[in-house]
Amino acid sequence: MTQRLHLVFGGELIDPTKNAFKDVDAIHVVGMFPNYDAAYNAWKAEAHRTVDNAHMRYFIAHIHRLRDEEVEASPTEELDG
């Protein structure tokens, strides 16, 4: 069975019209979730909790899309070789 992992994270942005964090060390990692529905629910809860701060943003990263184990690695992935 293929896992479709999702990471939910967020923090305060420098500018609410851009996606650059004010302090990368202060990024809030909500957690890793086994499916999109669970990740969406966690994202929604954090987004609602911080709705009064226009600079706060939370994101869902589709971790399963970062690497396809069936495809040979690109030269940039094989930095040791």
PDB file of N, CA and C in Angstrom:
ATOM      1  N   MET A   1       0.830  -1.180   0.000  1.00  0.00           N
ATOM      2  CA  MET A   1       0.000   0.000   0.000  1.00  0.00           C
ATOM      3  C   MET A   1       0.878   1.248   0.000  1.00  0.00           C
ATOM      4  N   THR A   2       0.583   2.174  -0.857  1.00  0.00           N
ATOM      5  CA  THR A   2       1.328   3.421  -0.963  1.00  0.00           C
ATOM      6  C   THR A   2       0.880   4.378   0.121  1.00  0.00           C
ATOM      7  N   GLN A   3       1.863   4.961   0.816  1.00  0.00           N
ATOM      8  CA  GLN A   3       1.539   5.985   1.800  1.00  0.00           C
ATOM      9  C   GLN A   3       1.585   7.342   1.131  1.00  0.00           C
ATOM     10  N   ARG A   4       0.683   8.183   1.483  1.00  0.00           N
ATOM     11  CA  ARG A   4       0.625   9.545   0.961  1.00  0.00           C
ATOM     12  C   ARG A   4       0.791  10.495   2.141  1.00  0.00           C
ATOM     13  N   LEU A   5       2.040  10.681   2.555  1.00  0.00           N
ATOM     14  CA  LEU A   5       2.341  11.486   3.724  1.00  0.00           C
ATOM     15  C   LEU A   5       2.218  12.977   3.436  1.00  0.00           C
ATOM     16  N   HIS A   6       1.718  13.704   4.431  1.00  0.00           N
ATOM     17  CA  HIS A   6       1.529  15.153   4.325  1.00  0.00           C
ATOM     18  C   HIS A   6       2.067  15.817   5.584  1.00  0.00           C
ATOM     19  N   LEU A   7       2.813  16.881   5.418  1.00  0.00           N
ATOM     20  CA  LEU A   7       3.372  17.646   6.525  1.00  0.00           C
ATOM     21  C   LEU A   7       2.622  18.965   6.633  1.00  0.00           C
ATOM     22  N   VAL A   8       2.167  19.297   7.841  1.00  0.00           N
ATOM     23  CA  VAL A   8       1.483  20.570   8.087  1.00  0.00           C
ATOM     24  C   VAL A   8       2.426  21.429   8.924  1.00  0.00           C
ATOM     25  N   PHE A   9       2.683  22.639   8.437  1.00  0.00           N
ATOM     26  CA  PHE A   9       3.589  23.546   9.136  1.00  0.00           C
ATOM     27  C   PHE A   9       3.186  24.982   8.842  1.00  0.00           C
ATOM     28  N   GLY A  10       3.694  25.902   9.644  1.00  0.00           N
ATOM     29  CA  GLY A  10       3.370  27.301   9.406  1.00  0.00           C
ATOM     30  C   GLY A  10       4.157  28.217  10.305  1.00  0.00           C
ATOM     31  N   GLY A  11       3.904  29.484  10.123  1.00  0.00           N
ATOM     32  CA  GLY A  11       4.583  30.488  10.927  1.00  0.00           C
ATOM     33  C   GLY A  11       4.250  31.880  10.441  1.00  0.00           C
ATOM     34  N   GLU A  12       4.933  32.831  11.037  1.00  0.00           N
ATOM     35  CA  GLU A  12       4.694  34.226  10.693  1.00  0.00           C
ATOM     36  C   GLU A  12       5.483  34.602   9.445  1.00  0.00           C
ATOM     37  N   LEU A  13       4.809  35.250   8.513  1.00  0.00           N
ATOM     38  CA  LEU A  13       5.436  35.668   7.261  1.00  0.00           C
ATOM     39  C   LEU A  13       5.959  37.101   7.373  1.00  0.00           C
ATOM     40  N   ILE A  14       6.977  37.406   6.575  1.00  0.00           N
ATOM     41  CA  ILE A  14       7.508  38.775   6.507  1.00  0.00           C
ATOM     42  C   ILE A  14       6.440  39.703   5.944  1.00  0.00           C
ATOM     43  N   ASP A  15       5.803  39.237   4.890  1.00  0.00           N
ATOM     44  CA  ASP A  15       4.790  40.012   4.177  1.00  0.00           C
ATOM     45  C   ASP A  15       3.639  39.055   3.861  1.00  0.00           C
ATOM     46  N   PRO A  16       2.415  39.367   4.236  1.00  0.00           N
ATOM     47  CA  PRO A  16       1.312  38.433   4.000  1.00  0.00           C
ATOM     48  C   PRO A  16       1.008  38.151   2.530  1.00  0.00           C
ATOM     49  N   THR A  17       1.601  38.906   1.613  1.00  0.00           N
ATOM     50  CA  THR A  17       1.378  38.644   0.191  1.00  0.00           C
ATOM     51  C   THR A  17       2.447  37.717  -0.392  1.00  0.00           C
ATOM     52  N   LYS A  18       3.402  37.308   0.424  1.00  0.00           N
ATOM     53  CA  LYS A  18       4.490  36.422  -0.027  1.00  0.00           C
ATOM     54  C   LYS A  18       4.571  35.205   0.891  1.00  0.00           C
ATOM     55  N   ASN A  19       5.376  34.230   0.534  1.00  0.00           N
ATOM     56  CA  ASN A  19       5.518  33.010   1.328  1.00  0.00           C
ATOM     57  C   ASN A  19       6.900  32.892   1.955  1.00  0.00           C
ATOM     58  N   ALA A  20       7.455  33.986   2.457  1.00  0.00           N
ATOM     59  CA  ALA A  20       8.756  33.974   3.131  1.00  0.00           C
ATOM     60  C   ALA A  20       8.540  34.157   4.626  1.00  0.00           C
ATOM     61  N   PHE A  21       9.074  33.235   5.418  1.00  0.00           N
ATOM     62  CA  PHE A  21       8.897  33.274   6.862  1.00  0.00           C
ATOM     63  C   PHE A  21       9.758  34.354   7.506  1.00  0.00           C
ATOM     64  N   LYS A  22       9.215  34.997   8.516  1.00  0.00           N
ATOM     65  CA  LYS A  22       9.917  36.031   9.271  1.00  0.00           C
ATOM     66  C   LYS A  22      11.084  35.414  10.046  1.00  0.00           C
ATOM     67  N   ASP A  23      10.869  34.254  10.664  1.00  0.00           N
ATOM     68  CA  ASP A  23      11.896  33.575  11.453  1.00  0.00           C
ATOM     69  C   ASP A  23      11.788  32.078  11.198  1.00  0.00           C
ATOM     70  N   VAL A  24      12.683  31.548  10.392  1.00  0.00           N
ATOM     71  CA  VAL A  24      12.639  30.126  10.026  1.00  0.00           C
ATOM     72  C   VAL A  24      12.778  29.234  11.261  1.00  0.00           C
ATOM     73  N   ASP A  25      13.533  29.696  12.259  1.00  0.00           N
ATOM     74  CA  ASP A  25      13.700  28.912  13.483  1.00  0.00           C
ATOM     75  C   ASP A  25      12.409  28.817  14.295  1.00  0.00           C
ATOM     76  N   ALA A  26      11.445  29.670  14.020  1.00  0.00           N
ATOM     77  CA  ALA A  26      10.188  29.682  14.768  1.00  0.00           C
ATOM     78  C   ALA A  26       9.048  29.002  14.013  1.00  0.00           C
ATOM     79  N   ILE A  27       9.350  28.289  12.937  1.00  0.00           N
ATOM     80  CA  ILE A  27       8.300  27.593  12.186  1.00  0.00           C
ATOM     81  C   ILE A  27       7.649  26.547  13.088  1.00  0.00           C
ATOM     82  N   HIS A  28       6.338  26.548  13.081  1.00  0.00           N
ATOM     83  CA  HIS A  28       5.567  25.604  13.883  1.00  0.00           C
ATOM     84  C   HIS A  28       5.270  24.374  13.030  1.00  0.00           C
ATOM     85  N   VAL A  29       5.845  23.239  13.416  1.00  0.00           N
ATOM     86  CA  VAL A  29       5.565  21.985  12.728  1.00  0.00           C
ATOM     87  C   VAL A  29       4.394  21.335  13.455  1.00  0.00           C
ATOM     88  N   VAL A  30       3.262  21.297  12.790  1.00  0.00           N
ATOM     89  CA  VAL A  30       2.054  20.732  13.390  1.00  0.00           C
ATOM     90  C   VAL A  30       2.175  19.222  13.430  1.00  0.00           C
ATOM     91  N   GLY A  31       2.653  18.623  12.332  1.00  0.00           N
ATOM     92  CA  GLY A  31       2.847  17.180  12.315  1.00  0.00           C
ATOM     93  C   GLY A  31       2.778  16.581  10.927  1.00  0.00           C
ATOM     94  N   MET A  32       3.047  15.272  10.894  1.00  0.00           N
ATOM     95  CA  MET A  32       3.003  14.477   9.671  1.00  0.00           C
ATOM     96  C   MET A  32       1.714  13.660   9.715  1.00  0.00           C
ATOM     97  N   PHE A  33       1.009  13.608   8.595  1.00  0.00           N
ATOM     98  CA  PHE A  33      -0.290  12.953   8.561  1.00  0.00           C
ATOM     99  C   PHE A  33      -0.332  11.930   7.432  1.00  0.00           C
ATOM    100  N   PRO A  34      -1.073  10.822   7.636  1.00  0.00           N
ATOM    101  CA  PRO A  34      -1.064   9.717   6.677  1.00  0.00           C
ATOM    102  C   PRO A  34      -1.925   9.919   5.441  1.00  0.00           C
ATOM    103  N   ASN A  35      -2.739  10.986   5.445  1.00  0.00           N
ATOM    104  CA  ASN A  35      -3.588  11.239   4.281  1.00  0.00           C
ATOM    105  C   ASN A  35      -3.954  12.721   4.244  1.00  0.00           C
ATOM    106  N   TYR A  36      -4.474  13.156   3.110  1.00  0.00           N
ATOM    107  CA  TYR A  36      -4.778  14.565   2.926  1.00  0.00           C
ATOM    108  C   TYR A  36      -5.893  15.041   3.859  1.00  0.00           C
ATOM    109  N   ASP A  37      -6.899  14.210   4.080  1.00  0.00           N
ATOM    110  CA  ASP A  37      -8.016  14.631   4.932  1.00  0.00           C
ATOM    111  C   ASP A  37      -7.553  14.957   6.350  1.00  0.00           C
ATOM    112  N   ALA A  38      -6.704  14.121   6.921  1.00  0.00           N
ATOM    113  CA  ALA A  38      -6.184  14.368   8.268  1.00  0.00           C
ATOM    114  C   ALA A  38      -5.313  15.625   8.270  1.00  0.00           C
ATOM    115  N   ALA A  39      -4.497  15.790   7.241  1.00  0.00           N
ATOM    116  CA  ALA A  39      -3.649  16.984   7.138  1.00  0.00           C
ATOM    117  C   ALA A  39      -4.505  18.237   6.985  1.00  0.00           C
ATOM    118  N   TYR A  40      -5.524  18.158   6.175  1.00  0.00           N
ATOM    119  CA  TYR A  40      -6.411  19.311   5.975  1.00  0.00           C
ATOM    120  C   TYR A  40      -7.088  19.719   7.286  1.00  0.00           C
ATOM    121  N   ASN A  41      -7.538  18.737   8.040  1.00  0.00           N
ATOM    122  CA  ASN A  41      -8.195  19.043   9.315  1.00  0.00           C
ATOM    123  C   ASN A  41      -7.221  19.720  10.279  1.00  0.00           C
ATOM    124  N   ALA A  42      -5.983  19.260  10.325  1.00  0.00           N
ATOM    125  CA  ALA A  42      -4.970  19.881  11.186  1.00  0.00           C
ATOM    126  C   ALA A  42      -4.647  21.287  10.693  1.00  0.00           C
ATOM    127  N   TRP A  43      -4.502  21.443   9.372  1.00  0.00           N
ATOM    128  CA  TRP A  43      -4.237  22.762   8.789  1.00  0.00           C
ATOM    129  C   TRP A  43      -5.372  23.732   9.121  1.00  0.00           C
ATOM    130  N   LYS A  44      -6.596  23.286   8.950  1.00  0.00           N
ATOM    131  CA  LYS A  44      -7.758  24.131   9.188  1.00  0.00           C
ATOM    132  C   LYS A  44      -7.826  24.571  10.659  1.00  0.00           C
ATOM    133  N   ALA A  45      -7.546  23.669  11.579  1.00  0.00           N
ATOM    134  CA  ALA A  45      -7.567  24.002  13.005  1.00  0.00           C
ATOM    135  C   ALA A  45      -6.530  25.071  13.325  1.00  0.00           C
ATOM    136  N   GLU A  46      -5.310  24.940  12.790  1.00  0.00           N
ATOM    137  CA  GLU A  46      -4.259  25.933  13.042  1.00  0.00           C
ATOM    138  C   GLU A  46      -4.580  27.258  12.356  1.00  0.00           C
ATOM    139  N   ALA A  47      -5.113  27.199  11.151  1.00  0.00           N
ATOM    140  CA  ALA A  47      -5.471  28.423  10.434  1.00  0.00           C
ATOM    141  C   ALA A  47      -6.560  29.185  11.194  1.00  0.00           C
ATOM    142  N   HIS A  48      -7.531  28.471  11.711  1.00  0.00           N
ATOM    143  CA  HIS A  48      -8.598  29.134  12.479  1.00  0.00           C
ATOM    144  C   HIS A  48      -8.079  29.673  13.807  1.00  0.00           C
ATOM    145  N   ARG A  49      -7.154  28.947  14.424  1.00  0.00           N
ATOM    146  CA  ARG A  49      -6.597  29.377  15.709  1.00  0.00           C
ATOM    147  C   ARG A  49      -5.833  30.692  15.570  1.00  0.00           C
ATOM    148  N   THR A  50      -5.231  30.920  14.411  1.00  0.00           N
ATOM    149  CA  THR A  50      -4.384  32.102  14.196  1.00  0.00           C
ATOM    150  C   THR A  50      -5.019  33.116  13.252  1.00  0.00           C
ATOM    151  N   VAL A  51      -6.314  33.040  13.044  1.00  0.00           N
ATOM    152  CA  VAL A  51      -7.005  33.872  12.058  1.00  0.00           C
ATOM    153  C   VAL A  51      -6.857  35.372  12.325  1.00  0.00           C
ATOM    154  N   ASP A  52      -6.649  35.764  13.573  1.00  0.00           N
ATOM    155  CA  ASP A  52      -6.534  37.190  13.895  1.00  0.00           C
ATOM    156  C   ASP A  52      -5.192  37.796  13.525  1.00  0.00           C
ATOM    157  N   ASN A  53      -4.220  36.977  13.160  1.00  0.00           N
ATOM    158  CA  ASN A  53      -2.891  37.467  12.772  1.00  0.00           C
ATOM    159  C   ASN A  53      -2.745  37.300  11.253  1.00  0.00           C
ATOM    160  N   ALA A  54      -2.822  38.396  10.522  1.00  0.00           N
ATOM    161  CA  ALA A  54      -2.762  38.352   9.054  1.00  0.00           C
ATOM    162  C   ALA A  54      -1.430  37.832   8.525  1.00  0.00           C
ATOM    163  N   HIS A  55      -0.393  37.847   9.351  1.00  0.00           N
ATOM    164  CA  HIS A  55       0.923  37.386   8.911  1.00  0.00           C
ATOM    165  C   HIS A  55       1.151  35.889   9.136  1.00  0.00           C
ATOM    166  N   MET A  56       0.249  35.234   9.826  1.00  0.00           N
ATOM    167  CA  MET A  56       0.400  33.797  10.090  1.00  0.00           C
ATOM    168  C   MET A  56      -0.186  32.993   8.939  1.00  0.00           C
ATOM    169  N   ARG A  57       0.581  32.008   8.485  1.00  0.00           N
ATOM    170  CA  ARG A  57       0.114  31.114   7.420  1.00  0.00           C
ATOM    171  C   ARG A  57       0.525  29.687   7.744  1.00  0.00           C
ATOM    172  N   TYR A  58      -0.353  28.769   7.415  1.00  0.00           N
ATOM    173  CA  TYR A  58      -0.059  27.344   7.542  1.00  0.00           C
ATOM    174  C   TYR A  58      -0.171  26.708   6.163  1.00  0.00           C
ATOM    175  N   PHE A  59       0.635  25.682   5.954  1.00  0.00           N
ATOM    176  CA  PHE A  59       0.744  25.030   4.651  1.00  0.00           C
ATOM    177  C   PHE A  59       0.661  23.519   4.804  1.00  0.00           C
ATOM    178  N   ILE A  60       0.254  22.860   3.734  1.00  0.00           N
ATOM    179  CA  ILE A  60       0.286  21.397   3.651  1.00  0.00           C
ATOM    180  C   ILE A  60       1.303  21.041   2.578  1.00  0.00           C
ATOM    181  N   ALA A  61       2.345  20.308   2.969  1.00  0.00           N
ATOM    182  CA  ALA A  61       3.352  19.833   2.013  1.00  0.00           C
ATOM    183  C   ALA A  61       3.052  18.370   1.694  1.00  0.00           C
ATOM    184  N   HIS A  62       2.983  18.072   0.429  1.00  0.00           N
ATOM    185  CA  HIS A  62       2.702  16.705  -0.028  1.00  0.00           C
ATOM    186  C   HIS A  62       4.038  15.951  -0.097  1.00  0.00           C
ATOM    187  N   ILE A  63       4.429  15.388   1.026  1.00  0.00           N
ATOM    188  CA  ILE A  63       5.737  14.724   1.144  1.00  0.00           C
ATOM    189  C   ILE A  63       5.866  13.581   0.148  1.00  0.00           C
ATOM    190  N   HIS A  64       4.798  12.882  -0.115  1.00  0.00           N
ATOM    191  CA  HIS A  64       4.849  11.745  -1.037  1.00  0.00           C
ATOM    192  C   HIS A  64       5.190  12.173  -2.464  1.00  0.00           C
ATOM    193  N   ARG A  65       5.053  13.437  -2.780  1.00  0.00           N
ATOM    194  CA  ARG A  65       5.369  13.904  -4.134  1.00  0.00           C
ATOM    195  C   ARG A  65       6.849  14.263  -4.301  1.00  0.00           C
ATOM    196  N   LEU A  66       7.581  14.304  -3.203  1.00  0.00           N
ATOM    197  CA  LEU A  66       8.977  14.727  -3.280  1.00  0.00           C
ATOM    198  C   LEU A  66       9.872  13.700  -3.959  1.00  0.00           C
ATOM    199  N   ARG A  67       9.508  12.440  -3.832  1.00  0.00           N
ATOM    200  CA  ARG A  67      10.356  11.420  -4.432  1.00  0.00           C
ATOM    201  C   ARG A  67       9.523  10.214  -4.829  1.00  0.00           C
ATOM    202  N   ASP A  68       9.741   9.774  -6.024  1.00  0.00           N
ATOM    203  CA  ASP A  68       9.090   8.576  -6.530  1.00  0.00           C
ATOM    204  C   ASP A  68      10.142   7.473  -6.531  1.00  0.00           C
ATOM    205  N   GLU A  69       9.983   6.490  -5.684  1.00  0.00           N
ATOM    206  CA  GLU A  69      10.974   5.422  -5.542  1.00  0.00           C
ATOM    207  C   GLU A  69      11.132   4.583  -6.815  1.00  0.00           C
ATOM    208  N   GLU A  70      10.178   4.636  -7.710  1.00  0.00           N
ATOM    209  CA  GLU A  70      10.237   3.866  -8.949  1.00  0.00           C
ATOM    210  C   GLU A  70      11.095   4.552 -10.016  1.00  0.00           C
ATOM    211  N   VAL A  71      11.378   5.841  -9.835  1.00  0.00           N
ATOM    212  CA  VAL A  71      12.137   6.599 -10.812  1.00  0.00           C
ATOM    213  C   VAL A  71      13.590   6.728 -10.356  1.00  0.00           C
ATOM    214  N   GLU A  72      14.519   6.519 -11.280  1.00  0.00           N
ATOM    215  CA  GLU A  72      15.929   6.631 -10.954  1.00  0.00           C
ATOM    216  C   GLU A  72      16.222   8.056 -10.473  1.00  0.00           C
ATOM    217  N   ALA A  73      17.076   8.161  -9.468  1.00  0.00           N
ATOM    218  CA  ALA A  73      17.391   9.460  -8.869  1.00  0.00           C
ATOM    219  C   ALA A  73      18.100  10.365  -9.884  1.00  0.00           C
ATOM    220  N   SER A  74      17.841  11.656  -9.765  1.00  0.00           N
ATOM    221  CA  SER A  74      18.509  12.626 -10.630  1.00  0.00           C
ATOM    222  C   SER A  74      19.930  12.877 -10.117  1.00  0.00           C
ATOM    223  N   PRO A  75      20.809  13.454 -10.934  1.00  0.00           N
ATOM    224  CA  PRO A  75      22.179  13.733 -10.496  1.00  0.00           C
ATOM    225  C   PRO A  75      22.247  14.614  -9.236  1.00  0.00           C
ATOM    226  N   THR A  76      21.291  15.498  -9.046  1.00  0.00           N
ATOM    227  CA  THR A  76      21.324  16.355  -7.861  1.00  0.00           C
ATOM    228  C   THR A  76      20.953  15.598  -6.599  1.00  0.00           C
ATOM    229  N   GLU A  77      20.232  14.478  -6.737  1.00  0.00           N
ATOM    230  CA  GLU A  77      19.900  13.663  -5.567  1.00  0.00           C
ATOM    231  C   GLU A  77      21.068  12.771  -5.163  1.00  0.00           C
ATOM    232  N   GLU A  78      21.931  12.489  -6.084  1.00  0.00           N
ATOM    233  CA  GLU A  78      23.051  11.584  -5.826  1.00  0.00           C
ATOM    234  C   GLU A  78      24.331  12.385  -5.616  1.00  0.00           C
ATOM    235  N   LEU A  79      24.349  13.213  -4.593  1.00  0.00           N
ATOM    236  CA  LEU A  79      25.503  14.089  -4.351  1.00  0.00           C
ATOM    237  C   LEU A  79      26.731  13.339  -3.865  1.00  0.00           C
ATOM    238  N   ASP A  80      26.568  12.136  -3.336  1.00  0.00           N
ATOM    239  CA  ASP A  80      27.697  11.371  -2.831  1.00  0.00           C
ATOM    240  C   ASP A  80      28.469  10.685  -3.951  1.00  0.00           C
ATOM    241  N   GLY A  81      27.888  10.574  -5.109  1.00  0.00           N
ATOM    242  CA  GLY A  81      28.483   9.761  -6.159  1.00  0.00           C
ATOM    243  C   GLY A  81      29.256  10.468  -7.175  1.00  0.00           C
TER     244      GLY A  81
END
